[in-house]
Full PDB file with SEQRES, HELIX, SHEET, SSBOND, CRYST1, ORIGX, SCALE, CONECT and MASTER records, all heavy atoms in Angstrom:
SEQRES   1 A   40  TRP ASN THR ALA VAL GLN GLU ARG MET ARG ALA LEU VAL          
SEQRES   2 A   40  ARG ALA LEU GLU GLU ARG ALA LEU LEU ASP PRO ARG PRO          
SEQRES   3 A   40  GLY ARG THR ALA ASP GLU ALA ALA ALA GLU ALA ALA ARG          
SEQRES   4 A   40  PRO                                                          
HELIX    1 AA1 ASN A    2  GLU A   18  1                                  17    
HELIX    2 AA2 ALA A   30  ALA A   37  1                                   8    
CRYST1    1.000    1.000    1.000  90.00  90.00  90.00 P 1           1          
ORIGX1      1.000000  0.000000  0.000000        0.00000                         
ORIGX2      0.000000  1.000000  0.000000        0.00000                         
ORIGX3      0.000000  0.000000  1.000000        0.00000                         
SCALE1      1.000000  0.000000  0.000000        0.00000                         
SCALE2      0.000000  1.000000  0.000000        0.00000                         
SCALE3      0.000000  0.000000  1.000000        0.00000                         
ATOM      1  N   TRP A   1       3.919  16.299  13.765  1.00  0.00           N  
ATOM      2  CA  TRP A   1       4.682  15.102  13.399  1.00  0.00           C  
ATOM      3  C   TRP A   1       3.802  13.885  13.173  1.00  0.00           C  
ATOM      4  O   TRP A   1       4.122  13.036  12.333  1.00  0.00           O  
ATOM      5  CB  TRP A   1       5.729  14.813  14.471  1.00  0.00           C  
ATOM      6  CG  TRP A   1       6.679  15.942  14.671  1.00  0.00           C  
ATOM      7  CD1 TRP A   1       6.846  16.705  15.778  1.00  0.00           C  
ATOM      8  CD2 TRP A   1       7.595  16.473  13.690  1.00  0.00           C  
ATOM      9  NE1 TRP A   1       7.801  17.676  15.562  1.00  0.00           N  
ATOM     10  CE2 TRP A   1       8.278  17.549  14.296  1.00  0.00           C  
ATOM     11  CE3 TRP A   1       7.895  16.152  12.373  1.00  0.00           C  
ATOM     12  CZ2 TRP A   1       9.243  18.303  13.632  1.00  0.00           C  
ATOM     13  CZ3 TRP A   1       8.850  16.905  11.697  1.00  0.00           C  
ATOM     14  CH2 TRP A   1       9.517  17.951  12.320  1.00  0.00           C  
ATOM     15  N   ASN A   2       2.721  13.745  13.904  1.00  0.00           N  
ATOM     16  CA  ASN A   2       1.845  12.585  13.692  1.00  0.00           C  
ATOM     17  C   ASN A   2       1.323  12.543  12.262  1.00  0.00           C  
ATOM     18  O   ASN A   2       1.410  11.510  11.578  1.00  0.00           O  
ATOM     19  CB  ASN A   2       0.666  12.634  14.664  1.00  0.00           C  
ATOM     20  CG  ASN A   2       1.026  12.121  16.039  1.00  0.00           C  
ATOM     21  OD1 ASN A   2       2.205  12.089  16.404  1.00  0.00           O  
ATOM     22  ND2 ASN A   2       0.038  11.733  16.810  1.00  0.00           N  
ATOM     23  N   THR A   3       0.772  13.661  11.795  1.00  0.00           N  
ATOM     24  CA  THR A   3       0.231  13.704  10.439  1.00  0.00           C  
ATOM     25  C   THR A   3       1.346  13.617   9.411  1.00  0.00           C  
ATOM     26  O   THR A   3       1.178  12.988   8.347  1.00  0.00           O  
ATOM     27  CB  THR A   3      -0.574  14.998  10.236  1.00  0.00           C  
ATOM     28  OG1 THR A   3      -1.495  15.153  11.316  1.00  0.00           O  
ATOM     29  CG2 THR A   3      -1.354  14.958   8.935  1.00  0.00           C  
ATOM     30  N   ALA A   4       2.486  14.234   9.708  1.00  0.00           N  
ATOM     31  CA  ALA A   4       3.614  14.185   8.773  1.00  0.00           C  
ATOM     32  C   ALA A   4       4.087  12.750   8.568  1.00  0.00           C  
ATOM     33  O   ALA A   4       4.380  12.337   7.436  1.00  0.00           O  
ATOM     34  CB  ALA A   4       4.753  15.064   9.296  1.00  0.00           C  
ATOM     35  N   VAL A   5       4.150  11.983   9.642  1.00  0.00           N  
ATOM     36  CA  VAL A   5       4.582  10.580   9.536  1.00  0.00           C  
ATOM     37  C   VAL A   5       3.596   9.783   8.694  1.00  0.00           C  
ATOM     38  O   VAL A   5       3.981   8.985   7.821  1.00  0.00           O  
ATOM     39  CB  VAL A   5       4.723   9.972  10.947  1.00  0.00           C  
ATOM     40  CG1 VAL A   5       4.769   8.447  10.879  1.00  0.00           C  
ATOM     41  CG2 VAL A   5       5.975  10.496  11.622  1.00  0.00           C  
ATOM     42  N   GLN A   6       2.311   9.979   8.927  1.00  0.00           N  
ATOM     43  CA  GLN A   6       1.316   9.231   8.163  1.00  0.00           C  
ATOM     44  C   GLN A   6       1.386   9.565   6.675  1.00  0.00           C  
ATOM     45  O   GLN A   6       1.331   8.661   5.817  1.00  0.00           O  
ATOM     46  CB  GLN A   6      -0.072   9.532   8.714  1.00  0.00           C  
ATOM     47  CG  GLN A   6      -0.271   9.055  10.147  1.00  0.00           C  
ATOM     48  CD  GLN A   6      -1.615   9.467  10.721  1.00  0.00           C  
ATOM     49  OE1 GLN A   6      -2.666   9.083  10.209  1.00  0.00           O  
ATOM     50  NE2 GLN A   6      -1.608  10.272  11.768  1.00  0.00           N  
ATOM     51  N   GLU A   7       1.507  10.846   6.360  1.00  0.00           N  
ATOM     52  CA  GLU A   7       1.564  11.246   4.953  1.00  0.00           C  
ATOM     53  C   GLU A   7       2.835  10.740   4.282  1.00  0.00           C  
ATOM     54  O   GLU A   7       2.812  10.345   3.114  1.00  0.00           O  
ATOM     55  CB  GLU A   7       1.464  12.767   4.838  1.00  0.00           C  
ATOM     56  CG  GLU A   7       0.076  13.319   5.089  1.00  0.00           C  
ATOM     57  CD  GLU A   7      -0.938  12.811   4.075  1.00  0.00           C  
ATOM     58  OE1 GLU A   7      -0.601  12.701   2.869  1.00  0.00           O  
ATOM     59  OE2 GLU A   7      -2.073  12.507   4.466  1.00  0.00           O  
ATOM     60  N   ARG A   8       3.946  10.737   5.010  1.00  0.00           N  
ATOM     61  CA  ARG A   8       5.194  10.265   4.395  1.00  0.00           C  
ATOM     62  C   ARG A   8       5.147   8.759   4.148  1.00  0.00           C  
ATOM     63  O   ARG A   8       5.694   8.270   3.151  1.00  0.00           O  
ATOM     64  CB  ARG A   8       6.381  10.628   5.279  1.00  0.00           C  
ATOM     65  CG  ARG A   8       7.714  10.516   4.559  1.00  0.00           C  
ATOM     66  CD  ARG A   8       7.842  11.543   3.453  1.00  0.00           C  
ATOM     67  NE  ARG A   8       8.977  11.304   2.590  1.00  0.00           N  
ATOM     68  CZ  ARG A   8       9.870  12.246   2.253  1.00  0.00           C  
ATOM     69  NH1 ARG A   8       9.726  13.491   2.706  1.00  0.00           N  
ATOM     70  NH2 ARG A   8      10.882  11.967   1.463  1.00  0.00           N  
ATOM     71  N   MET A   9       4.500   8.018   5.039  1.00  0.00           N  
ATOM     72  CA  MET A   9       4.357   6.579   4.803  1.00  0.00           C  
ATOM     73  C   MET A   9       3.484   6.336   3.582  1.00  0.00           C  
ATOM     74  O   MET A   9       3.760   5.445   2.771  1.00  0.00           O  
ATOM     75  CB  MET A   9       3.748   5.907   6.036  1.00  0.00           C  
ATOM     76  CG  MET A   9       3.627   4.385   5.916  1.00  0.00           C  
ATOM     77  SD  MET A   9       5.245   3.589   5.800  1.00  0.00           S  
ATOM     78  CE  MET A   9       4.761   1.869   5.534  1.00  0.00           C  
ATOM     79  N   ARG A  10       2.437   7.111   3.425  1.00  0.00           N  
ATOM     80  CA  ARG A  10       1.586   6.969   2.243  1.00  0.00           C  
ATOM     81  C   ARG A  10       2.370   7.328   0.973  1.00  0.00           C  
ATOM     82  O   ARG A  10       2.189   6.694  -0.068  1.00  0.00           O  
ATOM     83  CB  ARG A  10       0.357   7.859   2.392  1.00  0.00           C  
ATOM     84  CG  ARG A  10      -0.586   7.417   3.513  1.00  0.00           C  
ATOM     85  CD  ARG A  10      -1.801   8.293   3.624  1.00  0.00           C  
ATOM     86  NE  ARG A  10      -2.689   7.835   4.697  1.00  0.00           N  
ATOM     87  CZ  ARG A  10      -2.973   8.507   5.803  1.00  0.00           C  
ATOM     88  NH1 ARG A  10      -2.463   9.720   5.978  1.00  0.00           N  
ATOM     89  NH2 ARG A  10      -3.763   8.016   6.727  1.00  0.00           N  
ATOM     90  N   ALA A  11       3.217   8.341   1.064  1.00  0.00           N  
ATOM     91  CA  ALA A  11       4.045   8.711  -0.091  1.00  0.00           C  
ATOM     92  C   ALA A  11       4.970   7.568  -0.470  1.00  0.00           C  
ATOM     93  O   ALA A  11       5.147   7.248  -1.661  1.00  0.00           O  
ATOM     94  CB  ALA A  11       4.860   9.968   0.232  1.00  0.00           C  
ATOM     95  N   LEU A  12       5.559   6.934   0.543  1.00  0.00           N  
ATOM     96  CA  LEU A  12       6.489   5.828   0.283  1.00  0.00           C  
ATOM     97  C   LEU A  12       5.792   4.685  -0.442  1.00  0.00           C  
ATOM     98  O   LEU A  12       6.298   4.166  -1.449  1.00  0.00           O  
ATOM     99  CB  LEU A  12       7.056   5.362   1.633  1.00  0.00           C  
ATOM    100  CG  LEU A  12       8.116   4.262   1.660  1.00  0.00           C  
ATOM    101  CD1 LEU A  12       8.935   4.403   2.942  1.00  0.00           C  
ATOM    102  CD2 LEU A  12       7.492   2.858   1.637  1.00  0.00           C  
ATOM    103  N   VAL A  13       4.620   4.297   0.053  1.00  0.00           N  
ATOM    104  CA  VAL A  13       3.902   3.169  -0.558  1.00  0.00           C  
ATOM    105  C   VAL A  13       3.388   3.556  -1.941  1.00  0.00           C  
ATOM    106  O   VAL A  13       3.462   2.766  -2.887  1.00  0.00           O  
ATOM    107  CB  VAL A  13       2.748   2.716   0.357  1.00  0.00           C  
ATOM    108  CG1 VAL A  13       1.913   1.639  -0.322  1.00  0.00           C  
ATOM    109  CG2 VAL A  13       3.300   2.204   1.678  1.00  0.00           C  
ATOM    110  N   ARG A  14       2.871   4.774  -2.084  1.00  0.00           N  
ATOM    111  CA  ARG A  14       2.376   5.202  -3.388  1.00  0.00           C  
ATOM    112  C   ARG A  14       3.498   5.233  -4.414  1.00  0.00           C  
ATOM    113  O   ARG A  14       3.303   4.860  -5.586  1.00  0.00           O  
ATOM    114  CB  ARG A  14       1.729   6.581  -3.286  1.00  0.00           C  
ATOM    115  CG  ARG A  14       1.087   7.033  -4.587  1.00  0.00           C  
ATOM    116  CD  ARG A  14      -0.154   6.183  -4.915  1.00  0.00           C  
ATOM    117  NE  ARG A  14      -1.285   6.588  -4.118  1.00  0.00           N  
ATOM    118  CZ  ARG A  14      -2.307   5.794  -3.841  1.00  0.00           C  
ATOM    119  NH1 ARG A  14      -2.342   4.549  -4.284  1.00  0.00           N  
ATOM    120  NH2 ARG A  14      -3.320   6.229  -3.104  1.00  0.00           N  
ATOM    121  N   ALA A  15       4.706   5.642  -3.991  1.00  0.00           N  
ATOM    122  CA  ALA A  15       5.846   5.669  -4.915  1.00  0.00           C  
ATOM    123  C   ALA A  15       6.186   4.264  -5.399  1.00  0.00           C  
ATOM    124  O   ALA A  15       6.511   4.067  -6.584  1.00  0.00           O  
ATOM    125  CB  ALA A  15       7.051   6.305  -4.234  1.00  0.00           C  
ATOM    126  N   LEU A  16       6.110   3.287  -4.512  1.00  0.00           N  
ATOM    127  CA  LEU A  16       6.382   1.911  -4.919  1.00  0.00           C  
ATOM    128  C   LEU A  16       5.310   1.404  -5.878  1.00  0.00           C  
ATOM    129  O   LEU A  16       5.604   0.622  -6.800  1.00  0.00           O  
ATOM    130  CB  LEU A  16       6.465   1.008  -3.685  1.00  0.00           C  
ATOM    131  CG  LEU A  16       7.623   1.292  -2.725  1.00  0.00           C  
ATOM    132  CD1 LEU A  16       7.538   0.390  -1.495  1.00  0.00           C  
ATOM    133  CD2 LEU A  16       8.968   1.097  -3.424  1.00  0.00           C  
ATOM    134  N   GLU A  17       4.076   1.844  -5.694  1.00  0.00           N  
ATOM    135  CA  GLU A  17       3.026   1.478  -6.639  1.00  0.00           C  
ATOM    136  C   GLU A  17       3.266   2.143  -7.994  1.00  0.00           C  
ATOM    137  O   GLU A  17       3.068   1.514  -9.045  1.00  0.00           O  
ATOM    138  CB  GLU A  17       1.660   1.886  -6.087  1.00  0.00           C  
ATOM    139  CG  GLU A  17       1.220   1.085  -4.864  1.00  0.00           C  
ATOM    140  CD  GLU A  17      -0.113   1.550  -4.303  1.00  0.00           C  
ATOM    141  OE1 GLU A  17      -0.610   2.615  -4.745  1.00  0.00           O  
ATOM    142  OE2 GLU A  17      -0.671   0.854  -3.437  1.00  0.00           O  
ATOM    143  N   GLU A  18       3.693   3.385  -7.974  1.00  0.00           N  
ATOM    144  CA  GLU A  18       3.952   4.095  -9.231  1.00  0.00           C  
ATOM    145  C   GLU A  18       5.122   3.488  -9.987  1.00  0.00           C  
ATOM    146  O   GLU A  18       5.168   3.563 -11.224  1.00  0.00           O  
ATOM    147  CB  GLU A  18       4.223   5.576  -8.929  1.00  0.00           C  
ATOM    148  CG  GLU A  18       2.995   6.323  -8.436  1.00  0.00           C  
ATOM    149  CD  GLU A  18       3.294   7.734  -7.969  1.00  0.00           C  
ATOM    150  OE1 GLU A  18       4.486   8.097  -7.917  1.00  0.00           O  
ATOM    151  OE2 GLU A  18       2.351   8.483  -7.675  1.00  0.00           O  
ATOM    152  N   ARG A  19       6.035   2.861  -9.266  1.00  0.00           N  
ATOM    153  CA  ARG A  19       7.164   2.187  -9.926  1.00  0.00           C  
ATOM    154  C   ARG A  19       6.826   0.736 -10.275  1.00  0.00           C  
ATOM    155  O   ARG A  19       7.681   0.005 -10.774  1.00  0.00           O  
ATOM    156  CB  ARG A  19       8.382   2.215  -9.008  1.00  0.00           C  
ATOM    157  CG  ARG A  19       8.955   3.604  -8.767  1.00  0.00           C  
ATOM    158  CD  ARG A  19      10.078   3.561  -7.741  1.00  0.00           C  
ATOM    159  NE  ARG A  19      11.185   2.716  -8.185  1.00  0.00           N  
ATOM    160  CZ  ARG A  19      12.212   2.368  -7.401  1.00  0.00           C  
ATOM    161  NH1 ARG A  19      12.234   2.765  -6.131  1.00  0.00           N  
ATOM    162  NH2 ARG A  19      13.187   1.628  -7.874  1.00  0.00           N  
ATOM    163  N   ALA A  20       5.615   0.310  -9.990  1.00  0.00           N  
ATOM    164  CA  ALA A  20       5.147  -1.058 -10.258  1.00  0.00           C  
ATOM    165  C   ALA A  20       5.873  -2.091  -9.409  1.00  0.00           C  
ATOM    166  O   ALA A  20       5.888  -3.273  -9.738  1.00  0.00           O  
ATOM    167  CB  ALA A  20       5.290  -1.405 -11.742  1.00  0.00           C  
ATOM    168  N   LEU A  21       6.464  -1.657  -8.288  1.00  0.00           N  
ATOM    169  CA  LEU A  21       7.043  -2.612  -7.345  1.00  0.00           C  
ATOM    170  C   LEU A  21       5.982  -3.151  -6.393  1.00  0.00           C  
ATOM    171  O   LEU A  21       6.187  -4.184  -5.757  1.00  0.00           O  
ATOM    172  CB  LEU A  21       8.171  -1.943  -6.551  1.00  0.00           C  
ATOM    173  CG  LEU A  21       9.363  -1.469  -7.401  1.00  0.00           C  
ATOM    174  CD1 LEU A  21      10.413  -0.815  -6.523  1.00  0.00           C  
ATOM    175  CD2 LEU A  21       9.961  -2.630  -8.184  1.00  0.00           C  
ATOM    176  N   LEU A  22       4.885  -2.450  -6.324  1.00  0.00           N  
ATOM    177  CA  LEU A  22       3.697  -2.938  -5.624  1.00  0.00           C  
ATOM    178  C   LEU A  22       2.514  -2.786  -6.564  1.00  0.00           C  
ATOM    179  O   LEU A  22       2.412  -1.784  -7.274  1.00  0.00           O  
ATOM    180  CB  LEU A  22       3.435  -2.137  -4.351  1.00  0.00           C  
ATOM    181  CG  LEU A  22       4.380  -2.300  -3.157  1.00  0.00           C  
ATOM    182  CD1 LEU A  22       3.951  -1.383  -2.027  1.00  0.00           C  
ATOM    183  CD2 LEU A  22       4.439  -3.745  -2.695  1.00  0.00           C  
ATOM    184  N   ASP A  23       1.644  -3.780  -6.559  1.00  0.00           N  
ATOM    185  CA  ASP A  23       0.419  -3.658  -7.337  1.00  0.00           C  
ATOM    186  C   ASP A  23      -0.555  -2.752  -6.593  1.00  0.00           C  
ATOM    187  O   ASP A  23      -0.793  -2.951  -5.393  1.00  0.00           O  
ATOM    188  CB  ASP A  23      -0.227  -5.032  -7.539  1.00  0.00           C  
ATOM    189  CG  ASP A  23       0.654  -5.944  -8.371  1.00  0.00           C  
ATOM    190  OD1 ASP A  23       1.363  -5.416  -9.258  1.00  0.00           O  
ATOM    191  OD2 ASP A  23       0.648  -7.157  -8.123  1.00  0.00           O  
ATOM    192  N   PRO A  24      -1.119  -1.744  -7.233  1.00  0.00           N  
ATOM    193  CA  PRO A  24      -2.110  -0.896  -6.559  1.00  0.00           C  
ATOM    194  C   PRO A  24      -3.270  -1.751  -6.053  1.00  0.00           C  
ATOM    195  O   PRO A  24      -3.865  -2.516  -6.817  1.00  0.00           O  
ATOM    196  CB  PRO A  24      -2.561   0.071  -7.664  1.00  0.00           C  
ATOM    197  CG  PRO A  24      -1.417   0.088  -8.634  1.00  0.00           C  
ATOM    198  CD  PRO A  24      -0.840  -1.302  -8.611  1.00  0.00           C  
ATOM    199  N   ARG A  25      -3.544  -1.644  -4.775  1.00  0.00           N  
ATOM    200  CA  ARG A  25      -4.603  -2.474  -4.193  1.00  0.00           C  
ATOM    201  C   ARG A  25      -5.314  -1.690  -3.100  1.00  0.00           C  
ATOM    202  O   ARG A  25      -4.710  -1.370  -2.069  1.00  0.00           O  
ATOM    203  CB  ARG A  25      -4.022  -3.763  -3.615  1.00  0.00           C  
ATOM    204  CG  ARG A  25      -5.049  -4.639  -2.926  1.00  0.00           C  
ATOM    205  CD  ARG A  25      -4.536  -6.059  -2.785  1.00  0.00           C  
ATOM    206  NE  ARG A  25      -3.299  -6.148  -2.060  1.00  0.00           N  
ATOM    207  CZ  ARG A  25      -3.208  -6.173  -0.721  1.00  0.00           C  
ATOM    208  NH1 ARG A  25      -4.307  -6.092   0.012  1.00  0.00           N  
ATOM    209  NH2 ARG A  25      -2.055  -6.295  -0.127  1.00  0.00           N  
ATOM    210  N   PRO A  26      -6.577  -1.360  -3.294  1.00  0.00           N  
ATOM    211  CA  PRO A  26      -7.334  -0.669  -2.242  1.00  0.00           C  
ATOM    212  C   PRO A  26      -7.419  -1.523  -0.985  1.00  0.00           C  
ATOM    213  O   PRO A  26      -7.523  -2.745  -1.046  1.00  0.00           O  
ATOM    214  CB  PRO A  26      -8.715  -0.459  -2.870  1.00  0.00           C  
ATOM    215  CG  PRO A  26      -8.496  -0.591  -4.340  1.00  0.00           C  
ATOM    216  CD  PRO A  26      -7.375  -1.575  -4.506  1.00  0.00           C  
ATOM    217  N   GLY A  27      -7.373  -0.871   0.147  1.00  0.00           N  
ATOM    218  CA  GLY A  27      -7.504  -1.592   1.403  1.00  0.00           C  
ATOM    219  C   GLY A  27      -6.220  -2.152   1.952  1.00  0.00           C  
ATOM    220  O   GLY A  27      -6.231  -2.807   2.998  1.00  0.00           O  
ATOM    221  N   ARG A  28      -5.098  -1.923   1.302  1.00  0.00           N  
ATOM    222  CA  ARG A  28      -3.819  -2.445   1.797  1.00  0.00           C  
ATOM    223  C   ARG A  28      -3.434  -1.729   3.096  1.00  0.00           C  
ATOM    224  O   ARG A  28      -3.570  -0.525   3.231  1.00  0.00           O  
ATOM    225  CB  ARG A  28      -2.728  -2.244   0.747  1.00  0.00           C  
ATOM    226  CG  ARG A  28      -1.331  -2.637   1.231  1.00  0.00           C  
ATOM    227  CD  ARG A  28      -0.272  -2.282   0.212  1.00  0.00           C  
ATOM    228  NE  ARG A  28      -0.178  -3.288  -0.840  1.00  0.00           N  
ATOM    229  CZ  ARG A  28      -0.309  -3.028  -2.140  1.00  0.00           C  
ATOM    230  NH1 ARG A  28      -0.584  -1.790  -2.548  1.00  0.00           N  
ATOM    231  NH2 ARG A  28      -0.179  -3.990  -3.032  1.00  0.00           N  
ATOM    232  N   THR A  29      -2.937  -2.489   4.073  1.00  0.00           N  
ATOM    233  CA  THR A  29      -2.468  -1.901   5.326  1.00  0.00           C  
ATOM    234  C   THR A  29      -0.970  -1.625   5.233  1.00  0.00           C  
ATOM    235  O   THR A  29      -0.284  -2.111   4.325  1.00  0.00           O  
ATOM    236  CB  THR A  29      -2.729  -2.838   6.515  1.00  0.00           C  
ATOM    237  OG1 THR A  29      -1.915  -4.014   6.373  1.00  0.00           O  
ATOM    238  CG2 THR A  29      -4.199  -3.228   6.587  1.00  0.00           C  
ATOM    239  N   ALA A  30      -0.457  -0.873   6.202  1.00  0.00           N  
ATOM    240  CA  ALA A  30       0.965  -0.548   6.213  1.00  0.00           C  
ATOM    241  C   ALA A  30       1.804  -1.815   6.387  1.00  0.00           C  
ATOM    242  O   ALA A  30       2.858  -1.966   5.745  1.00  0.00           O  
ATOM    243  CB  ALA A  30       1.267   0.450   7.332  1.00  0.00           C  
ATOM    244  N   ASP A  31       1.370  -2.732   7.247  1.00  0.00           N  
ATOM    245  CA  ASP A  31       2.115  -3.978   7.446  1.00  0.00           C  
ATOM    246  C   ASP A  31       2.144  -4.815   6.167  1.00  0.00           C  
ATOM    247  O   ASP A  31       3.177  -5.409   5.819  1.00  0.00           O  
ATOM    248  CB  ASP A  31       1.482  -4.793   8.575  1.00  0.00           C  
ATOM    249  CG  ASP A  31       1.719  -4.159   9.939  1.00  0.00           C  
ATOM    250  OD1 ASP A  31       2.750  -3.481  10.097  1.00  0.00           O  
ATOM    251  OD2 ASP A  31       0.876  -4.337  10.820  1.00  0.00           O  
ATOM    252  N   GLU A  32       1.024  -4.876   5.475  1.00  0.00           N  
ATOM    253  CA  GLU A  32       0.983  -5.629   4.220  1.00  0.00           C  
ATOM    254  C   GLU A  32       1.886  -4.988   3.171  1.00  0.00           C  
ATOM    255  O   GLU A  32       2.602  -5.689   2.438  1.00  0.00           O  
ATOM    256  CB  GLU A  32      -0.453  -5.700   3.705  1.00  0.00           C  
ATOM    257  CG  GLU A  32      -1.375  -6.551   4.582  1.00  0.00           C  
ATOM    258  CD  GLU A  32      -2.838  -6.399   4.199  1.00  0.00           C  
ATOM    259  OE1 GLU A  32      -3.173  -5.441   3.462  1.00  0.00           O  
ATOM    260  OE2 GLU A  32      -3.658  -7.241   4.630  1.00  0.00           O  
ATOM    261  N   ALA A  33       1.876  -3.662   3.112  1.00  0.00           N  
ATOM    262  CA  ALA A  33       2.737  -2.972   2.152  1.00  0.00           C  
ATOM    263  C   ALA A  33       4.202  -3.239   2.443  1.00  0.00           C  
ATOM    264  O   ALA A  33       5.010  -3.470   1.521  1.00  0.00           O  
ATOM    265  CB  ALA A  33       2.462  -1.473   2.189  1.00  0.00           C  
ATOM    266  N   ALA A  34       4.576  -3.230   3.712  1.00  0.00           N  
ATOM    267  CA  ALA A  34       5.977  -3.482   4.074  1.00  0.00           C  
ATOM    268  C   ALA A  34       6.382  -4.903   3.711  1.00  0.00           C  
ATOM    269  O   ALA A  34       7.477  -5.134   3.178  1.00  0.00           O  
ATOM    270  CB  ALA A  34       6.162  -3.236   5.570  1.00  0.00           C  
ATOM    271  N   ALA A  35       5.510  -5.868   3.998  1.00  0.00           N  
ATOM    272  CA  ALA A  35       5.838  -7.261   3.679  1.00  0.00           C  
ATOM    273  C   ALA A  35       5.967  -7.481   2.175  1.00  0.00           C  
ATOM    274  O   ALA A  35       6.876  -8.187   1.703  1.00  0.00           O  
ATOM    275  CB  ALA A  35       4.767  -8.183   4.262  1.00  0.00           C  
ATOM    276  N   GLU A  36       5.080  -6.863   1.398  1.00  0.00           N  
ATOM    277  CA  GLU A  36       5.130  -7.030  -0.056  1.00  0.00           C  
ATOM    278  C   GLU A  36       6.318  -6.294  -0.659  1.00  0.00           C  
ATOM    279  O   GLU A  36       6.957  -6.782  -1.595  1.00  0.00           O  
ATOM    280  CB  GLU A  36       3.825  -6.531  -0.670  1.00  0.00           C  
ATOM    281  CG  GLU A  36       2.606  -7.371  -0.265  1.00  0.00           C  
ATOM    282  CD  GLU A  36       1.301  -6.708  -0.668  1.00  0.00           C  
ATOM    283  OE1 GLU A  36       1.323  -5.830  -1.545  1.00  0.00           O  
ATOM    284  OE2 GLU A  36       0.252  -7.066  -0.089  1.00  0.00           O  
ATOM    285  N   ALA A  37       6.647  -5.109  -0.135  1.00  0.00           N  
ATOM    286  CA  ALA A  37       7.765  -4.341  -0.673  1.00  0.00           C  
ATOM    287  C   ALA A  37       9.102  -4.977  -0.321  1.00  0.00           C  
ATOM    288  O   ALA A  37      10.105  -4.773  -1.031  1.00  0.00           O  
ATOM    289  CB  ALA A  37       7.720  -2.911  -0.144  1.00  0.00           C  
ATOM    290  N   ALA A  38       9.147  -5.743   0.764  1.00  0.00           N  
ATOM    291  CA  ALA A  38      10.398  -6.382   1.162  1.00  0.00           C  
ATOM    292  C   ALA A  38      10.830  -7.470   0.183  1.00  0.00           C  
ATOM    293  O   ALA A  38      12.008  -7.843   0.161  1.00  0.00           O  
ATOM    294  CB  ALA A  38      10.246  -6.975   2.566  1.00  0.00           C  
ATOM    295  N   ARG A  39       9.910  -7.964  -0.642  1.00  0.00           N  
ATOM    296  CA  ARG A  39      10.288  -9.011  -1.612  1.00  0.00           C  
ATOM    297  C   ARG A  39      11.194  -8.467  -2.710  1.00  0.00           C  
ATOM    298  O   ARG A  39      12.268  -9.016  -2.943  1.00  0.00           O  
ATOM    299  CB  ARG A  39       9.031  -9.657  -2.205  1.00  0.00           C  
ATOM    300  CG  ARG A  39       8.145 -10.330  -1.151  1.00  0.00           C  
ATOM    301  CD  ARG A  39       6.999 -11.101  -1.795  1.00  0.00           C  
ATOM    302  NE  ARG A  39       6.032 -11.542  -0.797  1.00  0.00           N  
ATOM    303  CZ  ARG A  39       4.789 -11.126  -0.707  1.00  0.00           C  
ATOM    304  NH1 ARG A  39       4.333 -10.257  -1.604  1.00  0.00           N  
ATOM    305  NH2 ARG A  39       3.982 -11.575   0.234  1.00  0.00           N  
ATOM    306  N   PRO A  40      10.812  -7.393  -3.388  1.00  0.00           N  
ATOM    307  CA  PRO A  40      11.736  -6.865  -4.392  1.00  0.00           C  
ATOM    308  C   PRO A  40      12.842  -5.995  -3.787  1.00  0.00           C  
ATOM    309  O   PRO A  40      13.819  -5.684  -4.468  1.00  0.00           O  
ATOM    310  CB  PRO A  40      10.826  -6.014  -5.292  1.00  0.00           C  
ATOM    311  CG  PRO A  40       9.719  -5.593  -4.408  1.00  0.00           C  
ATOM    312  CD  PRO A  40       9.496  -6.727  -3.465  1.00  0.00           C  
TER     313      PRO A  40                                                      
MASTER        0    0    0    2    0    0    0    6  312    1    0    4          
END                                                                             
């Protein structure tokens, strides 16, 4: 479950980048991704 949770969170953020709801940015943390995704 630990690895599954990490991979699913990465899938979620990558999907938002693929939809252009997040700008692809190396070095982004999970907290930053959540704050940026909460805007749209």
